[in-house]
Protein backbone atom coordinates (compact mmCIF):
# COMPACT_ATOMS: atom_id res chain seq x y z
CA UNK A 1 0.04 -0.07 -0.04
CA UNK A 2 1.43 3.47 -0.82
CA UNK A 3 2.74 5.44 2.27
CA UNK A 4 0.47 8.49 3.12
CA UNK A 5 2.63 11.38 4.62
CA UNK A 6 -0.64 13.65 5.53
CA UNK A 7 -2.05 10.82 7.88
CA UNK A 8 1.31 10.69 9.70
CA UNK A 9 1.93 14.53 10.02
CA UNK A 10 -1.88 14.81 11.62
CA UNK A 11 -1.32 12.20 14.14
CA UNK A 12 2.08 13.56 15.06
CA UNK A 13 0.66 17.14 15.57
CA UNK A 14 -2.29 15.89 17.76
CA UNK A 15 0.10 13.89 19.98
CA UNK A 16 2.38 16.89 20.47
CA UNK A 17 -0.63 18.93 21.48
CA UNK A 18 -1.86 16.45 24.10
CA UNK A 19 1.46 15.73 25.71
CA UNK A 20 2.87 19.19 25.77
CA UNK A 21 6.47 18.30 25.16
CA UNK A 22 6.75 18.11 21.34
CA UNK A 23 8.07 21.43 20.89
CA UNK A 24 11.02 20.51 18.82
CA UNK A 25 8.88 18.03 16.86
CA UNK A 26 6.38 20.90 15.99
CA UNK A 27 9.15 23.17 15.00
CA UNK A 28 10.59 20.59 12.76
CA UNK A 29 7.23 19.94 11.34
CA UNK A 30 6.61 23.65 10.53
CA UNK A 31 10.15 24.05 8.71
CA UNK A 32 9.85 24.12 4.52
CA UNK A 33 10.20 20.67 3.21
CA UNK A 34 13.49 19.93 1.53
CA UNK A 35 13.88 19.34 -2.16
CA UNK A 36 14.80 16.00 -3.10
CA UNK A 37 17.52 17.28 -4.98
CA UNK A 38 19.16 18.96 -2.33
CA UNK A 39 22.78 17.18 -1.27
CA UNK A 40 23.83 17.90 2.49
CA UNK A 41 27.72 18.12 3.06
CA UNK A 42 26.69 15.49 5.89
CA UNK A 43 24.50 12.67 5.53
CA UNK A 44 20.97 13.17 6.68
CA UNK A 45 20.11 10.54 9.62
CA UNK A 46 16.38 10.93 9.24
CA UNK A 47 14.48 8.07 7.65
CA UNK A 48 13.23 8.45 3.94
CA UNK A 49 10.28 6.78 2.75
CA UNK A 50 10.74 4.40 -0.20
CA UNK A 51 8.29 6.58 -2.41
CA UNK A 52 10.75 9.67 -1.92
CA UNK A 53 13.73 7.70 -2.71
CA UNK A 54 12.27 6.06 -6.04
CA UNK A 55 11.03 9.72 -6.98
CA UNK A 56 14.79 10.78 -6.73
CA UNK A 57 16.26 8.05 -8.44
CA UNK A 58 13.84 8.70 -11.31
CA UNK A 59 14.95 12.03 -11.41
CA UNK A 60 18.43 11.43 -11.38
CA UNK A 61 18.18 8.70 -14.24
CA UNK A 62 15.97 10.83 -16.29
CA UNK A 63 18.71 14.03 -16.15
CA UNK A 64 21.62 11.70 -16.61
CA UNK A 65 23.25 11.50 -20.00
CA UNK A 66 23.46 7.95 -21.85
CA UNK A 67 26.95 6.69 -21.61
CA UNK A 68 28.91 6.68 -24.76
CA UNK A 69 30.82 3.73 -25.89
CA UNK A 70 34.74 4.36 -26.64
CA UNK A 71 35.47 5.45 -30.24
CA UNK A 72 36.44 2.21 -32.66
CA UNK A 73 37.88 3.99 -35.43
CA UNK A 74 38.04 0.69 -37.63
CA UNK A 75 34.68 -0.56 -37.36
CA UNK A 76 33.33 -1.60 -40.78
CA UNK A 77 36.82 -2.34 -41.98
CA UNK A 78 37.98 -5.93 -42.88
CA UNK A 79 41.77 -6.78 -42.39
CA UNK A 80 42.82 -10.31 -43.35
CA UNK A 81 45.97 -11.71 -41.64
CA UNK A 82 48.12 -14.16 -43.16
CA UNK A 83 50.55 -16.02 -40.81
CA UNK A 84 53.35 -17.30 -43.07
CA UNK A 85 53.84 -21.12 -43.38
CA UNK A 86 52.38 -23.28 -40.85
CA UNK A 87 54.14 -25.48 -38.10
CA UNK A 88 52.66 -28.42 -39.62
CA UNK A 89 54.31 -28.05 -43.02
CA UNK A 90 57.62 -29.97 -41.97
CA UNK A 91 55.58 -33.04 -41.94
CA UNK A 92 53.99 -32.59 -45.20
CA UNK A 93 56.80 -32.26 -48.12
CA UNK A 94 55.16 -34.05 -50.61
CA UNK A 95 51.82 -31.85 -50.20
CA UNK A 96 53.59 -28.46 -49.88
CA UNK A 97 55.83 -29.12 -52.79
CA UNK A 98 52.88 -29.54 -55.30
CA UNK A 99 52.97 -26.77 -57.87
CA UNK A 100 50.19 -24.13 -57.97
CA UNK A 101 49.45 -21.38 -60.67
CA UNK A 102 50.62 -17.96 -59.47
CA UNK A 103 49.70 -16.23 -62.64
CA UNK A 104 53.59 -15.48 -64.14
CA UNK A 105 54.67 -19.13 -63.44
CA UNK A 106 54.16 -22.25 -61.16
CA UNK A 107 55.62 -22.66 -57.74
CA UNK A 108 55.49 -24.60 -54.73
CA UNK A 109 52.27 -24.64 -52.61
CA UNK A 110 53.94 -23.39 -49.48
CA UNK A 111 57.36 -23.75 -47.82
CA UNK A 112 58.40 -24.77 -44.25
CA UNK A 113 59.73 -21.41 -43.53
CA UNK A 114 63.04 -20.69 -41.78
CA UNK A 115 64.20 -20.62 -38.02
CA UNK A 116 66.64 -19.31 -35.46
CA UNK A 117 69.75 -21.14 -34.87
CA UNK A 118 68.01 -22.29 -31.37
CA UNK A 119 65.25 -23.83 -33.23
CA UNK A 120 62.46 -21.00 -32.93
CA UNK A 121 60.57 -21.41 -36.34
CA UNK A 122 59.17 -18.97 -38.57
CA UNK A 123 55.67 -20.38 -38.58
CA UNK A 124 55.59 -20.09 -34.49
CA UNK A 125 57.01 -16.69 -35.03
CA UNK A 126 54.19 -15.76 -37.76
CA UNK A 127 51.40 -17.21 -35.54
CA UNK A 128 52.34 -15.61 -32.51
CA UNK A 129 52.68 -12.03 -34.14
CA UNK A 130 49.30 -12.43 -36.12
CA UNK A 131 47.50 -13.19 -32.86
CA UNK A 132 48.93 -10.17 -31.24
CA UNK A 133 47.93 -8.00 -34.29
CA UNK A 134 44.46 -9.70 -34.54
CA UNK A 135 43.95 -8.51 -30.94
CA UNK A 136 44.97 -4.94 -31.60
CA UNK A 137 42.93 -4.45 -34.45
CA UNK A 138 39.80 -6.21 -32.99
CA UNK A 139 40.20 -3.69 -30.27
CA UNK A 140 39.71 -0.82 -32.78
CA UNK A 141 36.72 -2.30 -34.09
CA UNK A 142 38.08 -3.98 -37.28
CA UNK A 143 36.81 -7.39 -38.45
CA UNK A 144 39.85 -9.79 -38.61
CA UNK A 145 40.06 -12.89 -40.83
CA UNK A 146 42.82 -15.20 -40.72
CA UNK A 147 44.08 -17.34 -43.61
CA UNK A 148 44.80 -20.17 -41.28
CA UNK A 149 45.24 -20.52 -37.59
CA UNK A 150 47.18 -24.07 -37.34
CA UNK A 151 44.02 -25.73 -37.58
CA UNK A 152 45.10 -27.66 -40.59
CA UNK A 153 47.71 -29.98 -41.01
CA UNK A 154 49.51 -27.95 -43.70
CA UNK A 155 49.12 -25.09 -45.76
CA UNK A 156 46.97 -23.30 -47.13
CA UNK A 157 48.93 -23.19 -50.77
CA UNK A 158 49.89 -19.67 -51.65
CA UNK A 159 46.99 -19.34 -54.16
CA UNK A 160 44.44 -20.13 -51.60
CA UNK A 161 45.91 -17.55 -49.37
CA UNK A 162 45.36 -14.87 -51.90
CA UNK A 163 41.81 -16.13 -52.68
CA UNK A 164 40.77 -15.92 -48.81
CA UNK A 165 41.73 -12.02 -49.06
CA UNK A 166 39.89 -11.60 -52.25
CA UNK A 167 36.72 -13.23 -50.98
CA UNK A 168 36.71 -11.13 -47.70
CA UNK A 169 36.74 -8.06 -50.02
CA UNK A 170 39.36 -7.04 -47.22
CA UNK A 171 40.37 -3.58 -47.05
CA UNK A 172 43.93 -4.57 -46.31
CA UNK A 173 45.67 -7.91 -46.16
CA UNK A 174 48.96 -8.30 -44.40
CA UNK A 175 51.43 -11.49 -44.57
CA UNK A 176 53.31 -11.99 -41.52
CA UNK A 177 56.94 -13.38 -42.06
CA UNK A 178 60.51 -13.23 -40.81
CA UNK A 179 63.34 -13.62 -43.45
CA UNK A 180 66.33 -16.38 -43.73
CA UNK A 181 69.23 -14.51 -44.92
CA UNK A 182 72.79 -14.65 -44.28
CA UNK A 183 74.56 -13.61 -40.60
CA UNK A 184 75.01 -9.88 -40.67
CA UNK A 185 72.07 -9.07 -42.82
CA UNK A 186 69.76 -7.22 -40.16
CA UNK A 187 66.45 -5.46 -40.17
CA UNK A 188 63.03 -5.40 -41.54
CA UNK A 189 61.41 -4.83 -44.77
CA UNK A 190 57.88 -4.74 -46.38
CA UNK A 191 57.26 -6.32 -49.84
CA UNK A 192 55.14 -4.63 -52.17
CA UNK A 193 53.60 -6.32 -55.40
CA UNK A 194 54.96 -5.60 -58.75
CA UNK A 195 52.90 -4.29 -61.76
CA UNK A 196 51.85 -7.70 -63.10
CA UNK A 197 49.39 -9.05 -65.73
CA UNK A 198 49.79 -12.48 -66.65
CA UNK A 199 47.38 -15.51 -66.87
CA UNK A 200 45.25 -15.06 -63.36
CA UNK A 201 47.52 -12.22 -61.96
CA UNK A 202 46.67 -8.74 -62.80
CA UNK A 203 47.93 -6.36 -60.11
CA UNK A 204 47.05 -3.02 -61.79
CA UNK A 205 44.44 -2.08 -59.43
CA UNK A 206 46.37 -2.77 -56.23
CA UNK A 207 49.91 -1.61 -56.77
CA UNK A 208 49.33 1.98 -55.49
CA UNK A 209 47.06 1.20 -52.69
CA UNK A 210 49.43 -1.55 -51.45
CA UNK A 211 52.41 0.61 -51.89
CA UNK A 212 50.66 3.33 -49.46
CA UNK A 213 49.92 0.51 -47.07
CA UNK A 214 53.10 -0.70 -47.13
CA UNK A 215 54.99 2.61 -46.38
CA UNK A 216 52.69 2.99 -43.55
CA UNK A 217 53.64 -0.22 -41.89
CA UNK A 218 57.35 0.29 -42.65
CA UNK A 219 57.32 3.93 -40.98
CA UNK A 220 55.29 2.57 -37.99
CA UNK A 221 57.10 -0.55 -37.69
CA UNK A 222 60.30 1.15 -37.12
CA UNK A 223 58.90 3.54 -34.73
CA UNK A 224 57.26 0.86 -32.69
CA UNK A 225 60.19 -1.59 -32.47
CA UNK A 226 63.06 0.78 -32.72
CA UNK A 227 64.66 -1.46 -35.35
CA UNK A 228 66.08 -0.27 -38.81
CA UNK A 229 65.23 -1.07 -42.38
CA UNK A 230 66.93 -3.87 -43.59
CA UNK A 231 70.58 -3.23 -44.37
CA UNK A 232 70.69 -5.98 -47.35
CA UNK A 233 67.42 -5.10 -49.38
CA UNK A 234 65.47 -2.15 -50.44
CA UNK A 235 68.38 0.42 -50.41
CA UNK A 236 67.52 1.64 -46.75
CA UNK A 237 63.90 1.98 -47.58
CA UNK A 238 62.36 -0.88 -45.82
CA UNK A 239 60.64 -1.67 -49.12
CA UNK A 240 60.97 -4.33 -51.72
CA UNK A 241 59.12 -4.82 -54.75
CA UNK A 242 58.62 -8.47 -56.11
CA UNK A 243 56.42 -10.23 -58.92
CA UNK A 244 57.33 -13.66 -58.11
CA UNK A 245 55.04 -14.01 -54.87
CA UNK A 246 51.81 -15.61 -55.83
CA UNK A 247 50.22 -14.37 -52.52
CA UNK A 248 50.64 -10.64 -54.07
CA UNK A 249 50.31 -11.97 -57.82
CA UNK A 250 46.94 -13.35 -57.12
CA UNK A 251 45.51 -10.85 -54.75
CA UNK A 252 42.59 -8.39 -55.95
CA UNK A 253 42.71 -6.20 -52.68
CA UNK A 254 45.85 -4.39 -51.30
CA UNK A 255 48.17 -6.62 -49.81
CA UNK A 256 51.97 -6.59 -48.82
CA UNK A 257 54.39 -9.07 -46.85
CA UNK A 258 56.02 -7.76 -43.58
CA UNK A 259 59.49 -9.45 -43.08
CA UNK A 260 59.81 -8.52 -39.54
CA UNK A 261 63.77 -9.73 -39.29
CA UNK A 262 66.29 -11.93 -40.29
CA UNK A 263 66.14 -15.35 -37.99
CA UNK A 264 69.52 -16.29 -39.09
CA UNK A 265 71.29 -13.47 -37.89
CA UNK A 266 71.86 -13.92 -33.99
CA UNK A 267 71.18 -10.03 -33.07
CA UNK A 268 67.95 -10.20 -35.06
CA UNK A 269 66.97 -13.66 -33.74
CA UNK A 270 67.35 -12.44 -30.15
CA UNK A 271 64.50 -9.88 -30.95
CA UNK A 272 62.29 -12.09 -32.81
CA UNK A 273 62.39 -14.69 -30.02
CA UNK A 274 61.59 -11.96 -27.50
CA UNK A 275 57.68 -11.88 -26.39
CA UNK A 276 57.82 -8.14 -25.56
CA UNK A 277 59.69 -7.43 -29.03
CA UNK A 278 56.94 -9.40 -30.79
CA UNK A 279 54.20 -7.10 -29.09
CA UNK A 280 55.84 -4.13 -30.38
CA UNK A 281 56.24 -5.71 -33.96
CA UNK A 282 52.33 -6.30 -33.80
CA UNK A 283 51.79 -2.78 -32.64
CA UNK A 284 53.80 -1.21 -35.40
CA UNK A 285 51.85 -3.28 -37.97
CA UNK A 286 48.69 -2.47 -36.46
CA UNK A 287 49.37 1.23 -36.53
CA UNK A 288 50.59 1.20 -39.93
CA UNK A 289 47.46 -0.50 -41.08
CA UNK A 290 45.28 1.65 -38.96
CA UNK A 291 46.85 4.94 -40.60
CA UNK A 292 46.15 3.42 -44.29
CA UNK A 293 42.45 2.51 -43.22
CA UNK A 294 42.05 5.87 -41.70
CA UNK A 295 43.18 7.80 -44.69
């Protein structure tokens, strides 16, 4: 039943008059009523009716502004991440050596990738960085698609990797790798698609946007990791253009390869094997992708 303040006040006044000792209560009753919006410096110890509490809560709720969700600058964008190689490729040499059409030639379906002297494989490295990159991009609202996540015994083949990006209509595709060059060769580089038009390969529409994507990744990668562009390829630019990679030749969407360092050089290998550095590498790639997608 609703609480009636008027009946309570009338009973209080009659009781005070009869007992002649309720001057303080009478004085309190005759003071102006406080607004429910008034906030005292000290807590008011007098009881408050449930109806009053509900009224105040309702007023505060109605006047409060709705909570705004954090900005997600990559919402509506699709990024395909292609972790280079596959940890299972070592056990499937016959399958990965099968030749596939890359437009300009026929090449092996896939390769095992390289490794450090200590045995840390490129396939393990690329998956680790790709997972970190995925988390960074999803936090900004991007839809992220993997070409694989080591859920299959080997591959996918290089032509299938390209088709995954094309089918997703990706705004950007990044293939994560590490190089296997000679000792003393250090640093990262980003591989861009050459202008190719042969058979199933036609990179006419993706050459320029892929360069823009690659240049942004190279710039942010250097800043995030503190490492320099490769000293053995790209003339210090951190960029290399190739027309012999099926993953680039067959792509119809902007795509680059990122060679994060040289696993065969001891100093680069120490960086590539360090989890904290790999997080920096993922951050640099994510920053480069974000810069490209935000225009």
